Protein backbone atom coordinates (compact mmCIF):
# COMPACT_ATOMS: atom_id res chain seq x y z
CA MET A 1 45.19 61.63 -16.38
CA SER A 2 41.90 59.80 -16.17
CA PRO A 3 41.88 56.05 -16.54
CA PRO A 4 40.75 54.70 -19.90
CA ALA A 5 37.06 53.96 -20.20
CA PRO A 6 36.39 50.24 -19.63
CA SER A 7 35.81 48.27 -22.71
CA ASP A 8 32.57 46.32 -23.19
CA LEU A 9 32.56 42.93 -21.69
CA PRO A 10 32.81 40.18 -24.34
CA ILE A 11 29.56 38.47 -25.12
CA LEU A 12 29.73 34.76 -24.39
CA PRO A 13 28.48 32.37 -27.03
CA ASP A 14 25.19 30.63 -26.19
CA GLU A 15 27.03 27.29 -25.96
CA VAL A 16 29.29 28.58 -23.18
CA THR A 17 26.38 30.28 -21.30
CA GLU A 18 24.47 26.99 -21.53
CA ASP A 19 27.33 24.98 -19.96
CA ILE A 20 27.72 27.55 -17.14
CA LEU A 21 23.93 27.39 -16.40
CA LEU A 22 24.04 23.69 -16.36
CA HIS A 23 26.55 23.76 -13.50
CA LEU A 24 24.13 25.56 -11.15
CA ASP A 25 23.01 23.42 -8.28
CA ALA A 26 19.18 23.90 -8.49
CA ALA A 27 16.50 24.70 -10.97
CA ALA A 28 15.53 27.76 -8.91
CA ASP A 29 19.12 29.18 -9.42
CA VAL A 30 18.71 28.73 -13.22
CA ALA A 31 15.36 30.44 -13.11
CA ARG A 32 16.82 33.45 -11.24
CA ALA A 33 19.71 33.66 -13.62
CA ALA A 34 17.34 33.68 -16.58
CA ILE A 35 15.21 36.46 -15.12
CA ALA A 36 18.23 38.61 -14.39
CA CYS A 37 19.67 38.66 -17.98
CA ARG A 38 17.85 38.73 -21.36
CA SER A 39 20.61 36.66 -23.12
CA HIS A 40 20.32 34.03 -20.30
CA LEU A 41 16.55 33.97 -20.76
CA ARG A 42 16.97 33.28 -24.46
CA VAL A 43 19.24 30.30 -23.74
CA VAL A 44 16.97 28.89 -21.05
CA ARG A 45 13.96 28.96 -23.20
CA ASP A 46 15.52 26.81 -25.79
CA ARG A 47 14.07 23.22 -25.88
CA ARG A 48 17.41 21.64 -26.18
CA PHE A 49 18.80 23.40 -23.01
CA LEU A 50 15.69 22.50 -21.03
CA LEU A 51 16.05 18.84 -21.91
CA ARG A 52 19.76 18.85 -20.97
CA LEU A 53 18.98 20.68 -17.70
CA ARG A 54 16.30 18.09 -16.74
CA ARG A 55 18.90 15.29 -17.26
CA SER A 56 21.58 17.09 -15.18
CA LEU A 57 19.46 17.87 -12.12
CA ARG A 58 18.18 15.75 -9.31
CA PRO A 59 14.52 14.74 -9.62
CA PRO A 60 12.10 17.77 -9.68
CA PRO A 61 11.04 19.05 -6.29
CA VAL A 62 7.52 18.21 -5.00
CA LEU A 63 5.60 21.41 -5.49
CA GLY A 64 2.21 20.16 -4.21
CA PHE A 65 -0.25 17.35 -4.50
CA LEU A 66 -3.40 16.91 -6.46
CA SER A 67 -6.45 15.14 -4.97
CA THR A 68 -9.94 14.25 -5.97
CA ALA A 69 -11.75 15.86 -3.10
CA VAL A 70 -14.53 14.26 -1.15
CA ARG A 71 -17.65 15.70 0.49
CA ASP A 72 -18.61 19.22 -0.48
CA ALA A 73 -15.10 20.51 -1.39
CA PRO A 74 -14.18 21.24 -5.02
CA ARG A 75 -13.86 18.13 -6.95
CA LEU A 76 -10.17 18.59 -8.11
CA ARG A 77 -7.83 20.45 -5.88
CA PHE A 78 -4.14 21.45 -5.79
CA HIS A 79 -2.63 21.65 -2.28
CA ARG A 80 0.52 23.74 -1.76
CA PRO A 81 2.90 23.65 1.24
CA ASN A 82 2.45 26.23 4.00
CA ALA A 83 4.43 29.50 3.87
CA GLY A 84 7.88 28.96 5.28
CA HIS A 85 8.31 25.53 3.60
CA GLY A 86 11.44 25.47 1.32
CA GLY A 87 9.28 24.94 -1.84
CA ALA A 88 6.48 27.38 -1.04
CA ALA A 89 7.67 30.05 -3.42
CA ALA A 90 7.95 27.68 -6.39
CA ALA A 91 4.72 26.02 -5.51
CA ARG A 92 2.98 29.38 -5.48
CA ALA A 93 4.33 30.14 -8.93
CA VAL A 94 3.07 26.79 -10.29
CA ALA A 95 -0.27 27.29 -8.78
CA ARG A 96 -0.68 30.72 -10.30
CA ALA A 97 0.51 29.47 -13.83
CA GLY A 98 -1.58 26.31 -14.06
CA ASP A 99 -5.17 25.29 -14.02
CA PHE A 100 -5.35 22.43 -11.49
CA SER A 101 -9.15 22.41 -11.56
CA PHE A 102 -8.73 21.17 -15.14
CA SER A 103 -11.53 23.38 -16.41
CA PHE A 104 -10.18 23.01 -19.91
CA LEU A 105 -11.22 19.33 -20.03
CA PRO A 106 -14.50 18.46 -21.72
CA ARG A 107 -17.38 17.69 -19.45
CA ASP A 108 -20.82 16.02 -19.98
CA ALA A 109 -22.70 15.64 -16.77
CA ALA A 110 -25.50 13.80 -18.51
CA THR A 111 -23.23 10.97 -19.71
CA PHE A 112 -20.17 10.94 -17.48
CA THR A 113 -19.08 11.35 -13.83
CA ASP A 114 -16.60 14.16 -13.20
CA TRP A 115 -12.92 13.69 -13.79
CA SER A 116 -10.75 12.05 -11.09
CA VAL A 117 -6.91 12.05 -10.73
CA ARG A 118 -5.30 8.62 -11.28
CA ASP A 119 -1.57 9.37 -11.68
CA VAL A 120 0.93 12.19 -12.03
CA ARG A 121 4.38 11.98 -13.72
CA ASP A 122 6.74 14.33 -15.64
CA GLY A 123 4.30 17.26 -15.42
CA ARG A 124 1.41 15.24 -16.91
CA VAL A 125 -1.71 14.16 -15.11
CA LEU A 126 -3.78 11.06 -15.91
CA LEU A 127 -7.46 11.48 -15.18
CA SER A 128 -10.47 9.22 -15.53
CA ARG A 129 -14.20 9.40 -15.67
CA ARG A 130 -16.84 6.72 -15.86
CA ARG A 131 -19.82 6.67 -18.12
CA LEU A 132 -23.05 6.68 -16.13
CA ALA A 133 -25.09 3.45 -15.60
CA GLY A 134 -26.83 2.43 -18.67
CA ALA A 135 -24.43 4.18 -21.12
CA VAL A 136 -23.03 2.35 -24.02
CA ASN A 137 -19.56 0.81 -23.15
CA SER A 138 -19.77 1.80 -19.50
CA THR A 139 -17.33 -0.86 -18.27
CA PHE A 140 -13.96 0.73 -19.05
CA LEU A 141 -12.98 4.16 -17.83
CA ASP A 142 -12.65 7.11 -20.05
CA LEU A 143 -9.07 8.49 -19.83
CA ALA A 144 -7.38 11.81 -20.49
CA VAL A 145 -3.83 13.01 -20.16
CA ALA A 146 -3.47 16.68 -19.25
CA ASP A 147 -0.75 19.22 -18.78
CA PRO A 148 -2.15 21.70 -16.23
CA LEU A 149 0.63 24.26 -16.69
CA HIS A 150 -0.02 24.70 -20.34
CA ARG A 151 -3.74 23.74 -20.33
CA ARG A 152 -3.34 21.00 -22.91
CA TYR A 153 -4.93 17.54 -23.04
CA VAL A 154 -5.27 14.41 -25.03
CA LEU A 155 -8.39 12.12 -24.82
CA ILE A 156 -7.39 8.44 -24.90
CA PRO A 157 -9.56 6.08 -26.94
CA THR A 158 -11.53 3.31 -25.21
CA ILE A 159 -9.87 -0.09 -25.17
CA PRO A 160 -11.35 -1.79 -28.37
CA ASP A 161 -13.67 -4.76 -28.33
CA GLU A 162 -11.25 -6.90 -30.21
CA LEU A 163 -8.84 -6.83 -27.27
CA VAL A 164 -11.43 -7.85 -24.82
CA LEU A 165 -11.46 -11.70 -24.77
CA LYS A 166 -13.84 -12.11 -21.90
CA ARG A 167 -16.68 -10.35 -20.17
CA TYR A 168 -15.40 -7.58 -17.76
CA SER A 169 -17.47 -6.11 -15.01
CA ALA A 170 -17.39 -2.55 -13.69
CA GLU A 171 -17.00 -3.93 -10.20
CA MET A 172 -13.55 -5.35 -11.02
CA GLY A 173 -10.55 -3.33 -10.03
CA SER A 174 -9.57 -0.82 -12.60
CA GLU A 175 -6.09 0.69 -12.40
CA PRO A 176 -4.69 3.00 -15.10
CA PHE A 177 -1.30 4.65 -14.55
CA PHE A 178 1.67 5.98 -16.55
CA ALA A 179 4.41 3.73 -17.79
CA VAL A 180 7.86 4.99 -16.93
CA ALA A 181 10.81 3.04 -18.39
CA ALA A 182 8.91 1.65 -21.31
CA ALA A 183 7.98 5.13 -22.41
CA ALA A 184 11.55 6.39 -22.57
CA ALA A 185 14.26 5.46 -25.07
CA ALA A 186 17.24 3.46 -23.63
CA ARG A 187 19.93 5.98 -22.48
CA LYS A 188 23.23 5.91 -24.33
CA GLU A 189 26.61 6.64 -22.89
CA ASP A 190 26.72 9.94 -21.05
CA ASP A 191 29.76 11.41 -22.80
CA ASP A 192 30.14 14.52 -24.93
CA ASP A 193 29.39 12.73 -28.16
CA GLY A 194 26.55 10.56 -26.97
CA GLU A 195 24.67 13.35 -25.04
CA VAL A 196 23.79 15.21 -28.20
CA VAL A 197 22.23 12.07 -29.73
CA VAL A 198 20.20 11.41 -26.50
CA VAL A 199 19.02 15.07 -26.32
CA GLU A 200 17.93 14.95 -30.02
CA GLU A 201 16.04 11.71 -29.31
CA GLU A 202 14.37 13.25 -26.26
CA MET A 203 13.48 16.45 -28.26
CA GLY A 204 11.53 14.24 -30.71
CA SER A 205 9.80 12.24 -28.03
CA GLN A 206 9.10 14.70 -25.32
CA PHE A 207 5.35 14.50 -26.05
CA HIS A 208 5.28 10.70 -26.11
CA PHE A 209 3.84 8.75 -23.27
CA GLN A 210 2.43 5.34 -22.42
CA VAL A 211 -0.43 4.32 -20.16
CA ILE A 212 -0.85 1.00 -18.55
CA TYR A 213 -4.34 -0.21 -17.67
CA ASN A 214 -4.73 -3.13 -15.21
CA TRP A 215 -8.02 -5.02 -14.87
CA MET A 216 -8.01 -7.00 -11.73
CA SER A 217 -10.19 -9.65 -10.02
CA GLN A 218 -9.34 -11.62 -6.95
CA TYR A 219 -7.71 -14.27 -9.14
CA LYS A 220 -6.22 -12.63 -12.26
CA ILE A 221 -4.81 -9.46 -13.71
CA ASP A 222 -5.19 -8.48 -17.47
CA THR A 223 -2.84 -5.66 -18.65
CA PHE A 224 -3.32 -3.32 -21.53
CA VAL A 225 -0.89 -0.63 -22.79
CA PHE A 226 -1.69 2.53 -24.77
CA SER A 227 1.06 4.28 -26.83
CA SER A 228 0.71 7.93 -27.82
CA VAL A 229 2.93 7.18 -30.74
CA THR A 230 0.57 4.66 -32.37
CA GLY A 231 -2.59 5.99 -30.78
CA LYS A 232 -3.64 2.44 -30.08
CA TRP A 233 -4.13 -0.09 -27.28
CA ARG A 234 -2.57 -3.53 -27.19
CA GLY A 235 -2.94 -6.52 -24.93
CA ALA A 236 0.31 -6.75 -23.05
CA THR A 237 0.20 -9.49 -20.44
CA SER A 238 -1.88 -11.30 -17.90
CA PHE A 239 -1.12 -12.91 -14.50
CA SER A 240 -2.98 -15.59 -12.49
CA LEU A 241 -2.88 -15.57 -8.68
CA LEU A 242 -3.94 -19.15 -8.66
CA PRO A 243 -3.13 -21.68 -7.24
CA SER A 244 -0.79 -20.12 -4.58
CA ARG A 245 -3.03 -17.28 -3.63
CA VAL A 246 -0.15 -15.65 -1.61
CA ILE A 247 -1.93 -12.47 -2.64
CA GLN A 248 -5.66 -12.84 -1.81
CA ASP A 249 -6.80 -9.76 -3.79
CA PRO A 250 -4.62 -7.36 -5.83
CA ARG A 251 -7.29 -4.64 -5.63
CA GLY A 252 -6.36 -2.04 -3.11
CA MET A 253 -2.59 -2.65 -3.07
CA ALA A 254 -0.28 0.45 -3.14
CA ARG A 255 1.89 0.83 -6.22
CA TYR A 256 5.51 2.04 -6.37
CA HIS A 257 8.06 2.34 -9.14
CA VAL A 258 11.76 1.45 -8.83
CA GLY A 259 14.07 1.04 -11.86
CA ASN A 260 12.24 -0.78 -14.60
CA CYS A 261 9.66 -2.33 -12.37
CA PHE A 262 6.40 -1.48 -10.60
CA TYR A 263 5.75 -3.00 -7.23
CA TRP A 264 2.43 -3.50 -5.52
CA VAL A 265 2.44 -4.17 -1.76
CA HIS A 266 -0.07 -4.46 1.05
CA ASN A 267 0.45 -4.93 4.80
CA HIS A 268 -1.56 -8.09 4.86
CA TYR A 269 0.57 -9.98 2.33
CA GLY A 270 4.08 -11.42 2.68
CA HIS A 271 4.68 -10.97 -1.08
CA ALA A 272 4.90 -7.94 -3.41
CA LEU A 273 3.43 -8.21 -6.98
CA VAL A 274 6.11 -7.06 -9.51
CA LEU A 275 5.68 -5.97 -13.14
CA ASP A 276 8.82 -5.58 -15.26
CA GLU A 277 7.47 -2.98 -17.73
CA LEU A 278 10.22 -3.55 -20.31
CA GLU A 279 9.48 -7.27 -20.57
CA MET A 280 5.78 -6.88 -19.55
CA ARG A 281 6.04 -9.72 -17.18
CA PHE A 282 4.57 -10.20 -13.66
CA SER A 283 6.30 -12.03 -10.83
CA LEU A 284 6.16 -12.33 -7.02
CA LEU A 285 8.73 -11.01 -4.54
CA ALA A 286 8.94 -12.38 -1.00
CA LEU A 287 8.96 -9.66 1.74
CA PRO A 288 10.82 -9.75 5.09
CA PHE A 289 7.74 -10.29 7.20
CA PRO A 290 4.97 -12.86 7.31
CA ASP A 291 1.40 -12.44 6.07
CA MET A 292 -1.07 -10.37 8.26
CA MET A 293 1.79 -8.29 9.58
CA CYS A 294 -0.51 -5.52 10.85
CA LYS A 295 -4.27 -5.06 10.61
CA LYS A 296 -4.35 -1.52 11.98
CA VAL A 297 -3.61 0.08 8.63
CA GLN A 298 -4.31 -1.02 5.08
CA SER A 299 -1.81 -0.78 2.18
CA GLN A 300 -0.49 2.56 3.44
CA GLY A 301 1.93 1.02 5.88
CA ILE A 302 4.61 -0.12 3.45
CA ALA A 303 6.49 1.43 0.51
CA VAL A 304 9.24 0.29 -1.99
CA PHE A 305 11.88 2.67 -3.12
CA ASP A 306 15.40 2.89 -4.62
CA ALA A 307 17.94 2.55 -1.81
CA GLY A 308 20.95 3.39 -4.17
CA GLU A 309 24.07 1.35 -3.28
CA HIS A 310 22.02 -0.72 -0.84
CA GLY A 311 19.72 -1.96 -3.59
CA LEU A 312 15.95 -2.25 -3.30
CA GLY A 313 14.59 -0.51 -0.25
CA LEU A 314 11.49 -1.13 1.83
CA ILE A 315 9.90 1.28 4.31
CA VAL A 316 7.56 -0.41 6.91
CA ILE A 317 5.54 1.40 9.51
CA ARG A 318 5.73 -0.45 12.76
CA PHE A 319 3.37 0.70 15.62
CA GLN A 320 5.38 -1.28 18.18
CA VAL A 321 8.52 0.81 17.61
CA MET A 322 6.88 4.15 16.78
CA GLY A 323 8.94 4.61 13.67
CA LEU A 324 9.58 3.58 10.09
CA GLU A 325 11.81 0.48 9.59
CA MET A 326 13.98 0.36 6.56
CA TYR A 327 14.91 -2.99 4.95
CA CYS A 328 17.27 -3.51 1.93
CA LYS A 329 18.36 -6.20 -0.43
CA LYS A 330 20.70 -6.21 -3.34
CA LYS A 331 18.97 -6.59 -6.71
CA ASN A 332 19.57 -9.85 -8.54
CA ASP A 333 20.71 -8.78 -12.07
CA GLY A 334 20.52 -12.25 -13.55
CA GLY A 335 24.12 -13.33 -12.66
CA GLY A 336 23.11 -16.70 -11.45
CA GLY A 337 23.98 -16.15 -7.85
CA ALA A 338 21.76 -16.73 -4.87
CA GLU A 339 19.06 -14.20 -4.17
CA GLU A 340 20.16 -12.03 -1.21
CA GLU A 341 17.96 -11.99 1.86
CA TRP A 342 16.30 -8.79 3.16
CA ARG A 343 18.16 -7.22 5.97
CA ARG A 344 17.03 -4.57 8.45
CA HIS A 345 19.02 -1.38 7.72
CA LYS A 346 17.81 1.30 10.11
CA LEU A 347 14.95 2.82 12.09
CA ILE A 348 13.67 6.23 11.12
CA PRO A 349 11.82 8.03 13.94
CA TYR A 350 8.43 9.48 13.40
CA PRO A 351 8.47 13.24 12.48
CA GLU A 352 6.14 13.86 15.41
CA PRO A 353 5.98 11.22 18.15
CA ALA A 354 2.38 12.10 19.14
CA CYS A 355 1.08 11.13 15.77
CA GLY A 356 0.23 7.77 14.19
CA PHE A 357 1.55 7.72 10.54
CA THR A 358 0.55 6.20 7.26
CA ILE A 359 2.20 6.48 3.84
CA VAL A 360 -0.22 8.16 1.50
CA ALA A 361 1.88 9.03 -1.69
CA ALA A 362 5.28 8.66 -3.34
CA THR A 363 7.29 10.08 -6.10
CA GLU A 364 10.96 9.67 -7.14
CA GLY A 365 13.12 10.05 -3.99
CA CYS A 366 10.28 11.23 -1.71
CA LEU A 367 7.35 9.83 0.37
CA MET A 368 4.43 11.78 1.73
CA LEU A 369 3.42 10.82 5.27
CA GLU A 370 0.04 11.65 6.90
CA GLY A 371 0.17 12.00 10.73
CA THR A 372 -2.97 11.84 12.76
CA THR A 373 -3.26 12.80 16.35
CA SER A 374 -4.65 10.32 18.79
CA CYS A 375 -8.07 11.08 20.17
CA SER A 376 -11.02 8.94 21.15
CA ASP A 377 -13.36 11.47 19.60
CA ASP A 378 -13.03 11.29 15.83
CA SER A 379 -14.36 14.76 15.22
CA LYS A 380 -11.33 16.21 17.21
CA ARG A 381 -8.62 14.32 15.48
CA SER A 382 -6.34 16.34 13.23
CA SER A 383 -4.06 15.47 10.36
CA ARG A 384 -0.77 17.01 9.10
CA TYR A 385 1.31 16.02 6.14
CA PHE A 386 5.13 15.55 5.93
CA THR A 387 7.46 14.84 3.03
CA LEU A 388 10.31 12.33 3.73
CA ASP A 389 13.48 12.62 1.57
CA LEU A 390 14.50 9.03 0.79
CA LYS A 391 18.20 9.96 0.45
CA THR A 392 18.68 11.96 3.73
CA PHE A 393 15.58 10.54 5.56
CA LEU A 394 14.78 14.07 6.74
CA ALA A 395 11.06 14.89 7.14
CA GLU A 396 9.67 18.35 6.47
CA ARG A 397 6.27 19.38 7.56
CA TRP A 398 4.14 20.19 4.49
CA PHE A 399 0.89 21.56 5.84
CA ILE A 400 -2.03 20.97 8.23
CA PRO A 401 -5.29 20.87 6.19
CA SER A 402 -7.96 23.40 7.28
CA ALA A 403 -10.76 20.81 6.68
CA LYS A 404 -11.24 17.15 6.19
CA GLY A 405 -12.16 15.59 2.89
CA ILE A 406 -8.86 15.81 1.01
CA GLY A 407 -9.08 12.37 -0.68
CA ARG A 408 -6.16 10.45 -1.99
CA PRO A 409 -3.11 12.65 -2.71
CA TYR A 410 -1.04 12.33 -5.82
CA LEU A 411 2.30 14.22 -5.52
CA TYR A 412 3.08 16.85 -8.30
CA ALA A 413 6.76 17.12 -8.88
CA ASN A 414 7.95 19.57 -11.48
CA TYR A 415 10.42 22.42 -12.24
CA PRO A 416 9.42 26.10 -12.09
CA PRO A 417 7.03 27.22 -14.90
CA LEU A 418 9.88 28.95 -16.69
CA LEU A 419 11.82 25.66 -16.92
CA SER A 420 8.78 23.48 -17.82
CA PRO A 421 7.96 23.25 -21.53
CA PRO A 422 4.76 21.67 -22.58
CA SER A 423 4.60 17.91 -22.08
CA ILE A 424 1.71 17.27 -24.51
């Protein structure tokens, strides 16, 4: 007697499928599951699922970096890792899906310079252009926020005259960048009841963003904030570097983000400039080394990061020890106790001992290092790029550029195109 025909497998409710997919370890695994099954694909394409997924995963992987190229190279470029890199396949898919030359942005060569990258966060890219000399209102930069995967953009209005209380010069330092904590709603308890509320809030605000604009002279910083909700700028805060002048000039300092704060650092200064973006208040933070620590590199020799249970972390390039020194200090949460001193935590060896290194870019949980071979003939020097995971402190070679003229890199971290809904 032949065995009975197998009955059809029961169809799982979408809610159960959603919970199963959320337990996968990586975004790439979710993407593969979605491609393999039509019902899985339907679940994955739901906005609510995508938002829950982004909250459950580690920070998105670095898929490449954007740069405003110099010399005769194309103006805006997207650089992918070499074949064999762990993220090469996902980066290739992103490069195919997106327009990283930003050809969809408006251009007017008679009035404006071309677009330049200023910041990258959450799949969005902040770009700027300057009106040519003699144009009306040529002091402030023109800004745009773009989503290269979905070819969408928003032009940001110019800072209005009523907010400008003094005369600004185009020679002053101009630094626009994305807000982080201030642009997101405060997170509620991560339990079964609270999560739905949080997801619903995020679904209603996934297109919202804020841009911070710092105007800097040697002595003072004026800060403006733009909100996509109101569509308006507001004057947020200002900070005088007088009379202490522990920071001689804020222009050219490297910016990092940890928790609710931005940190600006420079090898020549023994203090960091700190902006609490929730309170919109500047302060100074003493660093564990004296002024003029090293003149061989500029601001690219030091980085601030989240050291987890060790508190606030600092990575410092030291030529004397041929490695990256890590310092940590516990954050003072306002409990009234004494501020903890910095302590040296560990030494991270250079990825390649024959190279001299600088820190050229950062995103959540990751630094990008540029290694340059030593050679008396500048024309024969070569560079290579590495990513450094700030949890494992493992470095992975990214690529060796085929030509010079890359310009400043901005790390592009995102999930595969299938898991990346429009951000604008």
